[in-house]
Protein backbone atom coordinates (compact mmCIF):
# COMPACT_ATOMS: atom_id res chain seq x y z
CA UNK A 1 -7.35 21.11 -0.46
CA UNK A 2 -7.30 21.23 3.31
CA UNK A 3 -6.02 18.36 5.40
CA UNK A 4 -9.53 17.69 6.69
CA UNK A 5 -10.97 17.53 3.19
CA UNK A 6 -8.18 15.15 2.16
CA UNK A 7 -8.84 12.94 5.17
CA UNK A 8 -12.57 12.90 4.39
CA UNK A 9 -11.90 11.88 0.78
CA UNK A 10 -9.53 9.12 1.86
CA UNK A 11 -12.09 7.83 4.37
CA UNK A 12 -14.78 7.75 1.67
CA UNK A 13 -12.43 5.83 -0.66
CA UNK A 14 -11.76 3.29 2.06
CA UNK A 15 -15.48 2.88 2.70
CA UNK A 16 -16.04 2.21 -0.99
CA UNK A 17 -13.26 -0.39 -1.03
CA UNK A 18 -14.80 -2.16 1.96
CA UNK A 19 -18.23 -2.09 0.33
CA UNK A 20 -16.83 -3.51 -2.92
CA UNK A 21 -15.05 -6.27 -1.02
CA UNK A 22 -18.22 -7.24 0.86
CA UNK A 23 -20.26 -7.04 -2.36
CA UNK A 24 -17.81 -9.55 -3.84
CA UNK A 25 -18.31 -11.84 -0.82
CA UNK A 26 -22.05 -11.57 -1.42
CA UNK A 27 -21.63 -12.40 -5.13
CA UNK A 28 -19.61 -15.47 -4.18
CA UNK A 29 -22.35 -16.54 -1.78
CA UNK A 30 -20.08 -16.13 1.26
CA UNK A 31 -22.42 -13.64 3.01
CA UNK A 32 -26.15 -13.01 2.82
CA UNK A 33 -27.94 -9.92 1.53
CA UNK A 34 -28.78 -9.07 5.15
CA UNK A 35 -25.08 -9.30 6.07
CA UNK A 36 -24.19 -6.99 3.18
CA UNK A 37 -26.86 -4.50 4.25
CA UNK A 38 -25.52 -4.60 7.82
CA UNK A 39 -21.97 -3.89 6.62
CA UNK A 40 -23.07 -1.00 4.41
CA UNK A 41 -25.14 0.45 7.27
CA UNK A 42 -22.20 0.16 9.68
CA UNK A 43 -19.84 1.85 7.22
CA UNK A 44 -22.35 4.63 6.56
CA UNK A 45 -22.68 5.19 10.31
CA UNK A 46 -19.08 4.56 11.30
CA UNK A 47 -18.76 8.07 12.74
CA UNK A 48 -21.65 7.27 15.09
CA UNK A 49 -20.35 3.85 16.20
CA UNK A 50 -17.66 3.20 18.76
CA UNK A 51 -14.54 1.34 17.63
CA UNK A 52 -15.85 -1.71 19.49
CA UNK A 53 -19.26 -1.60 17.78
CA UNK A 54 -17.71 -1.21 14.34
CA UNK A 55 -15.20 -4.00 15.02
CA UNK A 56 -18.02 -6.27 16.18
CA UNK A 57 -20.12 -5.61 13.07
CA UNK A 58 -17.26 -6.10 10.61
CA UNK A 59 -15.27 -8.60 12.65
CA UNK A 60 -17.93 -11.29 12.55
CA UNK A 61 -16.88 -11.99 8.96
CA UNK A 62 -13.23 -12.68 9.84
CA UNK A 63 -13.83 -16.41 10.13
CA UNK A 64 -15.08 -16.85 6.56
CA UNK A 65 -13.39 -19.63 4.64
CA UNK A 66 -11.93 -17.34 1.99
CA UNK A 67 -9.91 -20.15 0.40
CA UNK A 68 -13.19 -21.85 -0.52
CA UNK A 69 -14.31 -18.63 -2.18
CA UNK A 70 -11.09 -18.53 -4.20
CA UNK A 71 -11.65 -22.11 -5.37
CA UNK A 72 -15.21 -21.30 -6.42
CA UNK A 73 -14.02 -18.21 -8.30
CA UNK A 74 -11.57 -20.44 -10.23
CA UNK A 75 -14.36 -22.82 -11.12
CA UNK A 76 -13.52 -25.45 -8.49
CA UNK A 77 -15.67 -26.82 -5.71
C-alpha cells in the first residue's frame, strides 16, 4: 500500500469516528438533526473547505455541556 493510500484510509477512519461521535450526541439529544447533517456535510467536503471553515463548522459544538450528556446516559437528570 502506498503512503497516499494509507493516508486516505486513515482520513476516512477519522471521518467515521467523528460521524459516530456526533451521531451519539444526536442520540443523546445534545445536537439537532440539522446539526448532524451539517457535520456530516462538512466532513464529506473537508477537502473543499479551508481549515477556518471546517473549524467553524465543527467548533460550534465545543461548548456543549458534555457532563450533562454523561449523566443522562447513566440514567440521571
